Amino acid sequence: MVHGLDPWAQREVRERLSWYHSVLQDRKPAKFLLCKLIACRQDPRLMSDAELWQEHASRRHKFHKVLADCEVRDISPKLIQKPKFNLLDLKCELANRILRKCTFCEWRCRVDRVMYERKGACHLDGTARVATFFRHFGEEPTLVDRNGSGTIFFTSCTYRCLFCQNWDISQDPDAGAPVTPENLSLIIKSLRSEGAANINFVGGEPTPNLHVILESLNLTSVNVPILWNSNMYLTAEAMEILADVVDIWLPDFKWGNDRCAVKYSRIVRYFQVTSRNHSMAYHNGDMIIRHLVMPNHMECCTKPILGWIAENCPRALVNVMSQYRPEHNVLREPEKFAEIARRPTKEEIQQAYDYADELGILWKPVS
């Protein structure tokens, strides 16, 4: 990174993150606020599941017309008034019904997380738990701006990465403290009032907490960009619900094949699911894709991932990251995981940079 420069000085950043930047500057309303403009026919709680999805599809169509109009002319966030029932109400109701046979992520456990009859992959009931929240200055410069990213760390995860740096919260579903939608909305307002550039939902993994996140946004009127910082293992239906409230996506794309995903993250159908969701996100908001370079994984993971991004998400900003270090189980048993029990070499990192540059997707952020 080149220090001392304006992160928005790069033309490609201004162009590719134009929506996020306009919300950041309060020139346009965050997408979750636009959802509140879109009226629905009746109280979503009175609809059947089929009626809910049908109404959601119809209201999404209307939302995208409003969004397209908002992209070419400014709409003051202060002028937004909620109809009695709106698109965000629909999304909240859909998420709460899914919670009873949970399919937020592609493990599709179908656990009743309201009754908590048995544990699913995330080991969470219907209560969201937050480990910590603060203005984070360690994200990409465009996301930190001057006052940091308003980062909210949820506990638990849908993965079991053997090298997780946040294993103390991602692998412990009882870490942190319970939060209600009201609590979470107050956290959002507090972070924004402190000057946070965005609200950064992360973890662990935010996906199992989708219902509480949506309810909190329904209680929030402050204009702030919503950032989804995720492993992207959501189901297609969860992505449909989420897509209209995220202003900027910060997805992780780690494995170029399912074999490595199973071995190191204990996750199945990784590439199929994650690539589908990256594509959906790419067509529903601004995007910075993170790829963490792993030692000894250039040919099997880094190159296939960068090649896929170049072909399918060419306007996304791509952060090729060199921060991998052995942690968690890899640190405890380095002889068992010798191939990833070291940091990537300078040569491996340079090879990743060179390949991204060759594909025309190398982003060199400044701060």
Protein backbone atom coordinates (compact mmCIF):
# COMPACT_ATOMS: atom_id res chain seq x y z
CA MET A 1 0.00 0.00 0.00
CA VAL A 2 1.07 3.54 -0.70
CA HIS A 3 0.69 5.52 2.51
CA GLY A 4 -0.45 9.12 2.83
CA LEU A 5 -2.72 9.10 -0.23
CA ASP A 6 -6.49 9.47 -0.50
CA PRO A 7 -7.96 5.95 -0.99
CA TRP A 8 -10.59 7.52 -3.27
CA ALA A 9 -7.95 9.09 -5.51
CA GLN A 10 -7.94 6.02 -7.76
CA ARG A 11 -10.39 6.37 -10.62
CA GLU A 12 -11.21 2.65 -10.69
CA VAL A 13 -12.19 2.78 -7.01
CA ARG A 14 -14.50 5.76 -7.51
CA GLU A 15 -16.13 4.10 -10.51
CA ARG A 16 -16.50 0.59 -9.11
CA LEU A 17 -17.61 1.65 -5.64
CA SER A 18 -19.72 4.59 -6.78
CA TRP A 19 -22.93 3.51 -5.01
CA TYR A 20 -21.16 2.82 -1.73
CA HIS A 21 -19.31 6.14 -1.94
CA SER A 22 -22.52 8.09 -2.54
CA VAL A 23 -24.18 6.51 0.52
CA LEU A 24 -21.02 7.11 2.54
CA GLN A 25 -21.26 10.81 1.64
CA ASP A 26 -24.98 10.87 2.50
CA ARG A 27 -25.92 11.77 -1.08
CA LYS A 28 -28.04 8.65 -1.46
CA PRO A 29 -29.95 6.45 0.98
CA ALA A 30 -28.64 3.06 2.02
CA LYS A 31 -30.48 0.24 0.27
CA PHE A 32 -32.19 -0.95 3.46
CA LEU A 33 -33.84 2.49 3.67
CA LEU A 34 -34.97 2.23 0.05
CA CYS A 35 -36.59 -1.12 0.92
CA LYS A 36 -38.78 0.77 3.38
CA LEU A 37 -40.16 2.87 0.50
CA ILE A 38 -41.61 -0.18 -1.24
CA ALA A 39 -45.15 -0.84 0.02
CA CYS A 40 -46.59 -4.35 0.14
CA ARG A 41 -50.27 -5.27 -0.07
CA GLN A 42 -50.92 -6.40 3.50
CA ASP A 43 -49.37 -7.44 6.77
CA PRO A 44 -46.75 -10.10 5.85
CA ARG A 45 -47.62 -12.05 9.00
CA LEU A 46 -51.02 -12.86 7.46
CA MET A 47 -49.56 -14.31 4.27
CA SER A 48 -48.84 -17.95 3.52
CA ASP A 49 -45.27 -18.92 2.68
CA ALA A 50 -46.11 -19.08 -1.03
CA GLU A 51 -47.79 -15.67 -0.90
CA LEU A 52 -44.79 -14.21 0.90
CA TRP A 53 -42.34 -15.35 -1.76
CA GLN A 54 -44.62 -14.21 -4.56
CA GLU A 55 -45.05 -10.79 -2.97
CA HIS A 56 -41.32 -10.60 -2.30
CA ALA A 57 -40.52 -11.21 -5.97
CA SER A 58 -43.03 -8.57 -7.04
CA ARG A 59 -41.81 -5.98 -4.53
CA ARG A 60 -38.17 -6.69 -5.45
CA HIS A 61 -39.01 -5.82 -9.03
CA LYS A 62 -40.39 -2.49 -7.85
CA PHE A 63 -37.35 -1.98 -5.61
CA HIS A 64 -34.93 -2.34 -8.51
CA LYS A 65 -36.84 0.28 -10.50
CA VAL A 66 -36.55 2.70 -7.57
CA LEU A 67 -32.88 1.81 -7.13
CA ALA A 68 -32.15 2.44 -10.81
CA ASP A 69 -33.86 5.83 -10.55
CA CYS A 70 -31.91 6.63 -7.39
CA GLU A 71 -28.63 5.79 -9.16
CA VAL A 72 -29.16 8.63 -11.66
CA ARG A 73 -30.62 11.21 -9.30
CA ASP A 74 -30.15 11.91 -5.61
CA ILE A 75 -32.88 11.08 -3.10
CA SER A 76 -32.44 12.57 0.35
CA PRO A 77 -32.40 9.87 3.05
CA LYS A 78 -34.29 12.32 5.28
CA LEU A 79 -37.32 12.29 2.98
CA ILE A 80 -37.92 8.53 3.21
CA GLN A 81 -41.24 7.62 4.85
CA LYS A 82 -42.26 4.06 5.64
CA PRO A 83 -45.57 2.77 4.33
CA LYS A 84 -47.49 0.67 6.85
CA PHE A 85 -46.09 -2.59 5.42
CA ASN A 86 -43.01 -2.61 3.22
CA LEU A 87 -40.39 -4.76 1.52
CA LEU A 88 -38.19 -4.86 4.61
CA ASP A 89 -41.15 -6.14 6.65
CA LEU A 90 -41.50 -8.91 4.05
CA LYS A 91 -37.85 -9.83 4.36
CA CYS A 92 -38.06 -9.95 8.16
CA GLU A 93 -41.07 -12.25 8.05
CA LEU A 94 -39.44 -14.56 5.49
CA ALA A 95 -36.27 -14.78 7.59
CA ASN A 96 -38.22 -15.56 10.76
CA ARG A 97 -40.14 -18.33 9.03
CA ILE A 98 -36.95 -19.84 7.60
CA LEU A 99 -35.56 -19.83 11.15
CA ARG A 100 -38.11 -22.51 12.10
CA LYS A 101 -36.59 -24.91 9.54
CA CYS A 102 -33.32 -23.13 9.11
CA THR A 103 -31.86 -22.93 5.62
CA PHE A 104 -29.88 -19.70 5.92
CA CYS A 105 -26.73 -21.56 4.87
CA GLU A 106 -26.09 -24.45 2.49
CA TRP A 107 -25.80 -27.00 5.26
CA ARG A 108 -29.63 -26.78 5.14
CA CYS A 109 -29.95 -28.30 8.61
CA ARG A 110 -33.70 -27.52 8.80
CA VAL A 111 -33.38 -27.18 12.57
CA ASP A 112 -36.15 -25.32 14.39
CA ARG A 113 -33.90 -22.67 15.90
CA VAL A 114 -36.85 -21.06 17.70
CA MET A 115 -37.57 -24.25 19.68
CA TYR A 116 -33.88 -25.29 19.45
CA GLU A 117 -34.81 -28.96 19.09
CA ARG A 118 -31.25 -29.93 18.10
CA LYS A 119 -28.05 -28.23 17.07
CA GLY A 120 -27.38 -27.34 13.45
CA ALA A 121 -24.02 -26.61 11.87
CA CYS A 122 -23.78 -23.18 13.50
CA HIS A 123 -24.84 -24.53 16.95
CA LEU A 124 -27.02 -21.43 17.44
CA ASP A 125 -30.62 -21.06 18.53
CA GLY A 126 -32.68 -18.04 17.49
CA THR A 127 -30.65 -15.65 19.65
CA ALA A 128 -27.86 -13.64 18.01
CA ARG A 129 -24.68 -13.21 20.03
CA VAL A 130 -22.13 -10.43 19.50
CA ALA A 131 -18.55 -10.91 20.67
CA THR A 132 -17.52 -7.29 20.21
CA PHE A 133 -18.17 -4.17 18.18
CA PHE A 134 -15.97 -1.15 17.49
CA ARG A 135 -14.66 1.16 14.80
CA HIS A 136 -12.15 -1.05 12.99
CA PHE A 137 -9.18 0.55 11.20
CA GLY A 138 -7.70 -2.66 9.79
CA GLU A 139 -10.00 -3.09 6.79
CA GLU A 140 -9.34 -1.88 3.23
CA PRO A 141 -8.65 1.90 3.16
CA THR A 142 -11.83 2.69 1.22
CA LEU A 143 -13.87 0.97 3.96
CA VAL A 144 -12.08 2.61 6.86
CA ASP A 145 -12.23 6.20 5.55
CA ARG A 146 -11.28 8.60 8.40
CA ASN A 147 -13.23 7.15 11.32
CA GLY A 148 -13.05 3.42 10.85
CA SER A 149 -15.48 0.69 9.82
CA GLY A 150 -18.32 0.05 12.28
CA THR A 151 -17.55 -3.62 12.73
CA ILE A 152 -19.89 -6.00 14.57
CA PHE A 153 -18.42 -9.44 15.30
CA PHE A 154 -21.02 -12.22 15.62
CA THR A 155 -20.14 -15.51 17.28
CA SER A 156 -20.16 -18.95 15.65
CA CYS A 157 -19.62 -19.89 12.00
CA THR A 158 -20.82 -22.26 9.30
CA TYR A 159 -17.21 -23.34 8.61
CA ARG A 160 -14.64 -25.20 10.70
CA CYS A 161 -11.41 -23.77 9.28
CA LEU A 162 -8.41 -25.50 10.83
CA PHE A 163 -6.40 -22.25 10.77
CA CYS A 164 -9.07 -19.75 11.86
CA GLN A 165 -7.61 -16.57 13.35
CA ASN A 166 -10.90 -15.81 15.13
CA TRP A 167 -11.42 -19.36 16.39
CA ASP A 168 -12.23 -18.19 19.93
CA ILE A 169 -15.50 -16.65 18.69
CA SER A 170 -16.12 -18.60 15.47
CA GLN A 171 -15.98 -22.02 17.13
CA ASP A 172 -17.71 -21.10 20.40
CA PRO A 173 -21.43 -20.46 19.94
CA ASP A 174 -21.68 -19.29 23.57
CA ALA A 175 -19.06 -16.55 23.20
CA GLY A 176 -20.10 -12.93 23.42
CA ALA A 177 -23.40 -11.57 24.66
CA PRO A 178 -26.98 -12.01 23.40
CA VAL A 179 -28.40 -9.12 21.38
CA THR A 180 -32.00 -8.38 20.42
CA PRO A 181 -32.91 -6.46 17.26
CA GLU A 182 -33.38 -3.41 19.50
CA ASN A 183 -29.88 -3.84 20.98
CA LEU A 184 -28.36 -4.27 17.54
CA SER A 185 -30.11 -1.20 16.19
CA LEU A 186 -28.71 0.84 19.08
CA ILE A 187 -25.20 -0.50 18.31
CA ILE A 188 -25.63 0.54 14.66
CA LYS A 189 -26.76 4.03 15.63
CA SER A 190 -23.95 4.38 18.16
CA LEU A 191 -21.23 3.37 15.69
CA ARG A 192 -22.58 5.71 13.03
CA SER A 193 -22.85 8.60 15.50
CA GLU A 194 -19.16 8.05 16.30
CA GLY A 195 -18.40 8.57 12.61
CA ALA A 196 -18.15 4.95 11.42
CA ALA A 197 -18.03 4.84 7.62
CA ASN A 198 -20.26 1.76 7.42
CA ILE A 199 -21.81 -1.08 9.40
CA ASN A 200 -19.66 -4.13 8.86
CA PHE A 201 -21.44 -7.41 9.71
CA VAL A 202 -18.79 -10.08 10.25
CA GLY A 203 -17.84 -12.84 12.66
CA GLY A 204 -17.42 -15.67 12.97
CA GLU A 205 -20.06 -15.44 10.30
CA PRO A 206 -23.10 -13.13 10.10
CA THR A 207 -25.28 -15.51 8.04
CA PRO A 208 -26.93 -17.43 10.95
CA ASN A 209 -28.00 -14.06 12.38
CA LEU A 210 -29.81 -12.84 9.26
CA HIS A 211 -33.19 -12.64 11.01
CA VAL A 212 -31.90 -10.38 13.81
CA ILE A 213 -29.87 -8.24 11.39
CA LEU A 214 -32.92 -7.57 9.22
CA GLU A 215 -35.12 -6.79 12.22
CA SER A 216 -32.49 -4.36 13.53
CA LEU A 217 -32.33 -2.56 10.18
CA ASN A 218 -36.11 -2.28 10.24
CA LEU A 219 -35.72 -0.38 13.52
CA THR A 220 -32.92 1.83 12.19
CA SER A 221 -33.48 5.15 10.44
CA VAL A 222 -29.92 6.50 10.36
CA ASN A 223 -28.35 6.49 6.90
CA VAL A 224 -25.27 4.25 6.82
CA PRO A 225 -23.84 1.86 4.18
CA ILE A 226 -24.34 -1.82 4.99
CA LEU A 227 -21.31 -4.07 4.43
CA TRP A 228 -21.60 -7.87 4.32
CA ASN A 229 -18.28 -9.46 5.34
CA SER A 230 -18.87 -13.16 4.84
CA ASN A 231 -17.70 -16.61 3.78
CA MET A 232 -20.65 -16.56 1.32
CA TYR A 233 -22.05 -20.00 2.13
CA LEU A 234 -25.64 -18.72 2.10
CA THR A 235 -28.49 -20.49 0.33
CA ALA A 236 -29.94 -18.91 -2.80
CA GLU A 237 -33.11 -17.99 -0.92
CA ALA A 238 -31.13 -16.28 1.86
CA MET A 239 -29.18 -14.39 -0.80
CA GLU A 240 -32.45 -13.22 -2.38
CA ILE A 241 -33.60 -11.84 0.95
CA LEU A 242 -30.25 -10.23 1.73
CA ALA A 243 -29.31 -8.83 -1.69
CA ASP A 244 -31.48 -5.70 -1.49
CA VAL A 245 -30.09 -4.45 1.83
CA VAL A 246 -26.33 -4.70 1.20
CA ASP A 247 -24.57 -1.64 -0.23
CA ILE A 248 -21.14 -3.22 -0.48
CA TRP A 249 -20.08 -6.86 -0.34
CA LEU A 250 -16.79 -7.97 1.19
CA PRO A 251 -16.80 -11.71 0.45
CA ASP A 252 -14.04 -14.19 1.08
CA PHE A 253 -13.12 -16.54 -1.78
CA LYS A 254 -10.67 -19.02 -0.37
CA TRP A 255 -10.72 -22.41 -2.11
CA GLY A 256 -10.48 -23.15 -5.83
CA ASN A 257 -11.81 -26.71 -5.45
CA ASP A 258 -13.94 -28.79 -3.11
CA ARG A 259 -11.12 -31.11 -2.08
CA CYS A 260 -9.18 -28.33 -0.33
CA ALA A 261 -12.39 -26.90 1.14
CA VAL A 262 -13.30 -30.21 2.77
CA LYS A 263 -9.77 -30.83 4.03
CA TYR A 264 -9.09 -27.44 5.60
CA SER A 265 -12.51 -25.84 6.24
CA ARG A 266 -14.68 -28.96 6.66
CA ILE A 267 -17.13 -27.58 4.10
CA VAL A 268 -18.86 -29.39 1.20
CA ARG A 269 -19.90 -28.15 -2.26
CA TYR A 270 -17.75 -25.10 -1.64
CA PHE A 271 -16.92 -23.88 -5.12
CA GLN A 272 -20.42 -24.37 -6.54
CA VAL A 273 -22.09 -22.51 -3.68
CA THR A 274 -19.54 -19.76 -3.19
CA SER A 275 -19.14 -18.94 -6.89
CA ARG A 276 -22.94 -18.76 -7.28
CA ASN A 277 -23.21 -16.34 -4.37
CA HIS A 278 -20.31 -14.21 -5.55
CA SER A 279 -22.09 -13.89 -8.87
CA MET A 280 -25.39 -12.94 -7.20
CA ALA A 281 -23.62 -10.38 -5.02
CA TYR A 282 -21.75 -8.94 -8.01
CA HIS A 283 -25.07 -8.16 -9.69
CA ASN A 284 -26.52 -6.68 -6.49
CA GLY A 285 -24.15 -4.01 -5.21
CA ASP A 286 -20.55 -2.85 -5.08
CA MET A 287 -17.95 -5.45 -4.27
CA ILE A 288 -14.44 -6.05 -2.94
CA ILE A 289 -13.44 -9.73 -3.12
CA ARG A 290 -10.79 -10.98 -0.72
CA HIS A 291 -8.55 -13.89 -1.59
CA LEU A 292 -6.15 -15.11 1.07
CA VAL A 293 -3.04 -16.66 -0.49
CA MET A 294 -2.33 -19.99 1.19
CA PRO A 295 1.07 -21.70 1.18
CA ASN A 296 1.31 -24.49 -1.41
CA HIS A 297 -2.09 -23.60 -2.92
CA MET A 298 -1.18 -21.52 -5.94
CA GLU A 299 -2.22 -23.95 -8.69
CA CYS A 300 -5.16 -25.59 -6.94
CA CYS A 301 -6.76 -22.49 -5.43
CA THR A 302 -5.27 -19.04 -6.13
CA LYS A 303 -5.08 -19.30 -9.91
CA PRO A 304 -8.52 -20.93 -10.42
CA ILE A 305 -10.16 -18.35 -8.15
CA LEU A 306 -8.51 -15.35 -9.79
CA GLY A 307 -9.37 -16.77 -13.21
CA TRP A 308 -13.02 -17.23 -12.23
CA ILE A 309 -13.22 -13.68 -10.86
CA ALA A 310 -11.71 -12.21 -14.03
CA GLU A 311 -14.32 -13.99 -16.13
CA ASN A 312 -17.39 -13.57 -13.92
CA CYS A 313 -16.86 -10.47 -11.76
CA PRO A 314 -14.53 -8.31 -13.87
CA ARG A 315 -15.50 -4.99 -12.26
CA ALA A 316 -15.13 -6.18 -8.68
CA LEU A 317 -12.11 -4.92 -6.78
CA VAL A 318 -9.90 -7.84 -5.78
CA ASN A 319 -7.72 -7.76 -2.68
CA VAL A 320 -5.04 -10.46 -2.94
CA MET A 321 -4.08 -10.89 0.71
CA SER A 322 -0.77 -12.04 2.17
CA GLN A 323 -1.82 -12.15 5.84
CA TYR A 324 -2.15 -15.91 6.27
CA ARG A 325 -0.48 -17.33 9.33
CA PRO A 326 -0.93 -20.74 10.97
CA GLU A 327 -3.41 -20.54 13.85
CA HIS A 328 -5.87 -22.72 15.77
CA ASN A 329 -5.47 -26.46 14.96
CA VAL A 330 -2.66 -25.89 12.47
CA LEU A 331 -0.63 -24.10 15.13
CA ARG A 332 -1.36 -26.83 17.68
CA GLU A 333 -0.46 -29.70 15.34
CA PRO A 334 1.91 -28.32 12.72
CA GLU A 335 3.27 -31.75 11.82
CA LYS A 336 -0.24 -32.91 10.89
CA PHE A 337 -0.83 -29.95 8.57
CA ALA A 338 2.74 -29.34 7.44
CA GLU A 339 1.75 -28.06 4.00
CA ILE A 340 -0.01 -25.01 5.51
CA ALA A 341 1.95 -24.74 8.77
CA ARG A 342 3.92 -21.74 7.54
CA ARG A 343 3.33 -18.29 6.12
CA PRO A 344 3.29 -17.95 2.32
CA THR A 345 6.68 -17.02 0.88
CA LYS A 346 7.43 -13.74 -0.85
CA GLU A 347 7.69 -15.70 -4.08
CA GLU A 348 4.19 -17.16 -3.64
CA ILE A 349 2.70 -13.75 -2.91
CA GLN A 350 4.45 -12.20 -5.89
CA GLN A 351 3.26 -15.03 -8.12
CA ALA A 352 -0.33 -14.33 -7.02
CA TYR A 353 0.09 -10.59 -7.67
CA ASP A 354 1.62 -11.27 -11.09
CA TYR A 355 -1.19 -13.61 -12.09
CA ALA A 356 -3.89 -11.14 -10.97
CA ASP A 357 -2.06 -8.42 -12.90
CA GLU A 358 -1.91 -10.64 -15.98
CA LEU A 359 -5.68 -11.13 -15.74
CA GLY A 360 -6.22 -7.38 -15.35
CA ILE A 361 -7.80 -7.60 -11.89
CA LEU A 362 -4.94 -6.63 -9.57
CA TRP A 363 -6.01 -3.86 -7.21
CA LYS A 364 -3.36 -1.89 -5.36
CA PRO A 365 -5.22 -0.06 -2.57
CA VAL A 366 -3.72 3.10 -1.13
CA SER A 367 -4.00 4.48 2.40
